[in-house]
Amino acid sequence: MRKLTGSRSLTATLAALVALTVASFGTAADTPPAAGTAQQAAMQAWQRAAAVGPQHRRLEWFKGRWKERVQMWMEPGQPPRIEQGVAEVRPVLGGRFMEMRHRGHFMGKPMQGLGYSGYDNLSGRYTDIWMDDGSTAIFVSHGDYDAAGKTWTYHGQMQDPLQPGTTIPVREVVRITGPRSYVFEWHETRDGRERKAMQIDYTRL
């Protein structure tokens, strides 16, 4: 009973918050608040946080269908395993994010993946999210853009399946290499040494 009661209380609280938010937005739309009020400042802050800017439009370059050539180095010093795949990228949520749907193979087995990239106006950084049917984890990384090199560099922490409870530092590099191509690199740091574990070469279809 406690769990049920708590759930109802939480639901009621959330409903009240939603109602207040909707009422606030409705009031703002019907009768704009006087200049200098706290409500106006809050509305302006939310508008700035939600605005689509040049950083978001920059990511639209990736829109389209891509052929993938995937190289994976399973052991240092050994030749890479090579797989093929296809990715489709499209803008979502009004262009605030780019969605990638991947179909290919991993270790000889079919694999599907789903990713989202975007620019966070509040943090001033790019965010990348990835998930696939080869894991139950969601990988999140944050990075910056170098205009001179047409390169995004992200950093994140990956859960280590071989040592549960520990993480592996990861550096991702996304670099535009031509009008119809780009490359993705995945670098892992193990035992204090970074090595490239994967590279995907994308060609626009």
Protein backbone atom coordinates (compact mmCIF):
# COMPACT_ATOMS: atom_id res chain seq x y z
CA MET A 1 0.00 0.00 0.00
CA ARG A 2 2.83 2.42 0.70
CA LYS A 3 4.21 2.03 -2.78
CA LEU A 4 0.78 2.54 -4.32
CA THR A 5 0.06 5.61 -2.20
CA GLY A 6 3.50 7.07 -2.97
CA SER A 7 2.96 6.50 -6.66
CA ARG A 8 -0.39 8.29 -6.55
CA SER A 9 1.10 11.20 -4.61
CA LEU A 10 3.95 11.51 -7.11
CA THR A 11 1.50 11.37 -9.99
CA ALA A 12 -0.65 14.07 -8.41
CA THR A 13 2.40 16.26 -7.80
CA LEU A 14 3.62 15.87 -11.38
CA ALA A 15 0.12 16.62 -12.68
CA ALA A 16 0.01 19.79 -10.61
CA LEU A 17 3.42 20.90 -11.90
CA VAL A 18 2.34 20.26 -15.49
CA ALA A 19 -0.85 22.22 -14.92
CA LEU A 20 1.06 25.15 -13.46
CA THR A 21 3.52 25.10 -16.34
CA VAL A 22 0.76 25.00 -18.94
CA ALA A 23 -1.08 27.78 -17.15
CA SER A 24 2.10 29.85 -17.05
CA PHE A 25 2.71 29.39 -20.77
CA GLY A 26 -0.94 30.12 -21.52
CA THR A 27 -0.80 33.32 -19.51
CA ALA A 28 2.39 34.36 -21.25
CA ALA A 29 0.79 33.80 -24.64
CA ASP A 30 -2.48 35.60 -23.81
CA THR A 31 -1.19 38.50 -21.78
CA PRO A 32 2.57 39.11 -21.91
CA PRO A 33 3.94 39.88 -18.43
CA ALA A 34 5.17 43.32 -17.64
CA ALA A 35 8.82 44.02 -18.38
CA GLY A 36 11.18 43.13 -15.60
CA THR A 37 8.95 40.54 -13.94
CA ALA A 38 10.33 37.19 -12.76
CA GLN A 39 7.95 35.38 -15.10
CA GLN A 40 9.26 37.23 -18.14
CA ALA A 41 12.85 36.52 -17.13
CA ALA A 42 12.04 32.82 -16.75
CA MET A 43 10.32 32.69 -20.13
CA GLN A 44 13.24 34.39 -21.83
CA ALA A 45 15.68 31.98 -20.17
CA TRP A 46 13.72 28.96 -21.42
CA GLN A 47 13.53 30.45 -24.92
CA ARG A 48 17.30 30.90 -25.01
CA ALA A 49 17.81 27.34 -23.77
CA ALA A 50 15.48 25.95 -26.47
CA ALA A 51 16.62 28.12 -29.39
CA VAL A 52 18.03 26.44 -32.50
CA GLY A 53 21.31 28.12 -33.40
CA PRO A 54 24.24 27.75 -35.78
CA GLN A 55 25.73 24.95 -33.66
CA HIS A 56 22.61 22.84 -34.29
CA ARG A 57 22.45 23.71 -37.98
CA ARG A 58 26.09 22.65 -38.31
CA LEU A 59 25.06 19.09 -37.45
CA GLU A 60 22.55 19.02 -40.32
CA TRP A 61 25.51 18.36 -42.64
CA PHE A 62 25.23 14.73 -41.50
CA LYS A 63 21.63 14.37 -42.69
CA GLY A 64 21.20 11.55 -45.21
CA ARG A 65 22.04 7.91 -45.84
CA TRP A 66 25.58 6.66 -45.34
CA LYS A 67 27.60 3.57 -46.19
CA GLU A 68 29.85 2.43 -43.35
CA ARG A 69 33.17 0.63 -43.41
CA VAL A 70 33.89 -0.44 -39.84
CA GLN A 71 37.36 -1.41 -38.61
CA MET A 72 37.73 -2.87 -35.10
CA TRP A 73 41.04 -3.64 -33.42
CA MET A 74 40.32 -6.43 -30.96
CA GLU A 75 43.98 -6.80 -29.90
CA PRO A 76 46.85 -4.27 -30.09
CA GLY A 77 49.18 -4.99 -32.98
CA GLN A 78 46.69 -7.26 -34.74
CA PRO A 79 44.94 -6.45 -38.04
CA PRO A 80 41.43 -5.02 -37.65
CA ARG A 81 38.22 -6.93 -38.13
CA ILE A 82 36.24 -5.29 -40.94
CA GLU A 83 32.45 -5.04 -41.10
CA GLN A 84 29.98 -3.17 -43.31
CA GLY A 85 26.90 -1.20 -42.39
CA VAL A 86 24.44 1.52 -43.34
CA ALA A 87 23.36 4.54 -41.31
CA GLU A 88 20.47 6.95 -41.80
CA VAL A 89 20.62 10.37 -40.15
CA ARG A 90 17.79 12.89 -39.80
CA PRO A 91 17.00 15.97 -37.72
CA VAL A 92 14.42 15.54 -34.95
CA LEU A 93 12.62 17.77 -32.44
CA GLY A 94 12.72 20.82 -34.65
CA GLY A 95 16.36 20.41 -35.61
CA ARG A 96 17.62 20.43 -32.04
CA PHE A 97 19.04 16.94 -32.38
CA MET A 98 20.23 14.59 -35.11
CA GLU A 99 19.10 10.98 -34.95
CA MET A 100 21.21 8.15 -36.41
CA ARG A 101 19.80 4.68 -37.07
CA HIS A 102 22.49 2.10 -37.79
CA ARG A 103 22.22 -1.38 -39.27
CA GLY A 104 25.26 -3.55 -39.70
CA HIS A 105 27.20 -6.38 -38.09
CA PHE A 106 29.31 -6.84 -35.00
CA MET A 107 31.51 -9.89 -34.62
CA GLY A 108 29.71 -11.43 -37.59
CA LYS A 109 26.22 -10.98 -36.10
CA PRO A 110 23.49 -8.50 -37.14
CA MET A 111 23.48 -5.33 -35.09
CA GLN A 112 21.21 -2.31 -34.76
CA GLY A 113 22.16 0.98 -33.16
CA LEU A 114 20.49 4.28 -32.32
CA GLY A 115 22.28 7.55 -31.61
CA TYR A 116 21.49 11.20 -30.94
CA SER A 117 23.74 14.24 -31.27
CA GLY A 118 23.00 17.80 -30.31
CA TYR A 119 24.29 21.05 -28.90
CA ASP A 120 23.41 22.06 -25.34
CA ASN A 121 22.85 25.81 -25.20
CA LEU A 122 23.25 25.84 -21.41
CA SER A 123 26.53 23.96 -21.14
CA GLY A 124 27.90 25.35 -24.41
CA ARG A 125 29.00 21.87 -25.48
CA TYR A 126 27.96 19.13 -27.89
CA THR A 127 26.39 15.94 -26.51
CA ASP A 128 26.38 12.50 -28.11
CA ILE A 129 24.26 9.53 -27.00
CA TRP A 130 24.55 5.97 -28.30
CA MET A 131 22.76 2.67 -27.63
CA ASP A 132 22.59 -0.62 -29.53
CA ASP A 133 21.37 -4.18 -29.22
CA GLY A 134 24.86 -5.36 -28.33
CA SER A 135 24.54 -3.88 -24.84
CA THR A 136 22.02 -2.62 -22.29
CA ALA A 137 24.12 0.46 -21.52
CA ILE A 138 23.60 3.99 -22.83
CA PHE A 139 26.85 5.73 -23.69
CA VAL A 140 26.92 9.50 -23.21
CA SER A 141 29.79 11.79 -24.15
CA HIS A 142 30.36 15.55 -24.32
CA GLY A 143 32.62 17.49 -26.63
CA ASP A 144 33.59 20.55 -28.61
CA TYR A 145 33.97 21.54 -32.24
CA ASP A 146 37.15 22.71 -33.96
CA ALA A 147 36.18 24.73 -37.02
CA ALA A 148 39.69 24.73 -38.50
CA GLY A 149 39.81 20.94 -38.60
CA LYS A 150 36.06 20.39 -39.11
CA THR A 151 36.33 18.06 -36.13
CA TRP A 152 34.23 17.21 -33.09
CA THR A 153 36.05 15.66 -30.12
CA TYR A 154 34.02 13.97 -27.38
CA HIS A 155 34.97 12.38 -24.06
CA GLY A 156 33.02 9.85 -22.02
CA GLN A 157 33.24 6.83 -19.73
CA MET A 158 32.32 3.33 -20.91
CA GLN A 159 31.28 0.55 -18.54
CA ASP A 160 33.80 -2.30 -18.73
CA PRO A 161 31.91 -5.62 -19.25
CA LEU A 162 35.05 -7.56 -18.28
CA GLN A 163 35.30 -5.74 -14.93
CA PRO A 164 31.80 -4.78 -13.74
CA GLY A 165 31.76 -1.59 -11.71
CA THR A 166 34.72 -0.04 -13.52
CA THR A 167 34.80 2.33 -16.47
CA ILE A 168 37.07 2.93 -19.45
CA PRO A 169 37.86 6.50 -20.57
CA VAL A 170 36.81 6.98 -24.20
CA ARG A 171 37.70 9.70 -26.68
CA GLU A 172 35.61 9.99 -29.84
CA VAL A 173 36.66 11.95 -32.90
CA VAL A 174 34.27 12.89 -35.72
CA ARG A 175 36.04 14.55 -38.65
CA ILE A 176 34.62 15.67 -42.00
CA THR A 177 37.05 14.48 -44.66
CA GLY A 178 35.32 15.58 -47.85
CA PRO A 179 32.05 16.85 -49.33
CA ARG A 180 30.57 13.34 -49.13
CA SER A 181 32.62 11.63 -46.43
CA TYR A 182 33.57 11.69 -42.78
CA VAL A 183 35.35 9.45 -40.30
CA PHE A 184 34.54 8.38 -36.75
CA GLU A 185 37.27 7.19 -34.37
CA TRP A 186 36.86 5.47 -31.02
CA HIS A 187 39.86 5.56 -28.65
CA GLU A 188 40.01 3.68 -25.34
CA THR A 189 42.41 4.23 -22.44
CA ARG A 190 43.41 1.02 -20.70
CA ASP A 191 46.21 0.66 -18.16
CA GLY A 192 47.00 4.33 -18.67
CA ARG A 193 47.55 3.99 -22.43
CA GLU A 194 45.19 5.19 -25.13
CA ARG A 195 44.69 3.14 -28.28
CA LYS A 196 42.32 3.31 -31.23
CA ALA A 197 39.82 0.46 -30.97
CA MET A 198 37.49 1.35 -33.82
CA GLN A 199 37.22 3.50 -36.93
CA ILE A 200 34.18 3.95 -39.16
CA ASP A 201 34.56 5.53 -42.59
CA TYR A 202 31.29 7.01 -43.87
CA THR A 203 30.47 7.65 -47.52
CA ARG A 204 27.28 9.43 -48.47
CA LEU A 205 24.88 7.33 -50.58
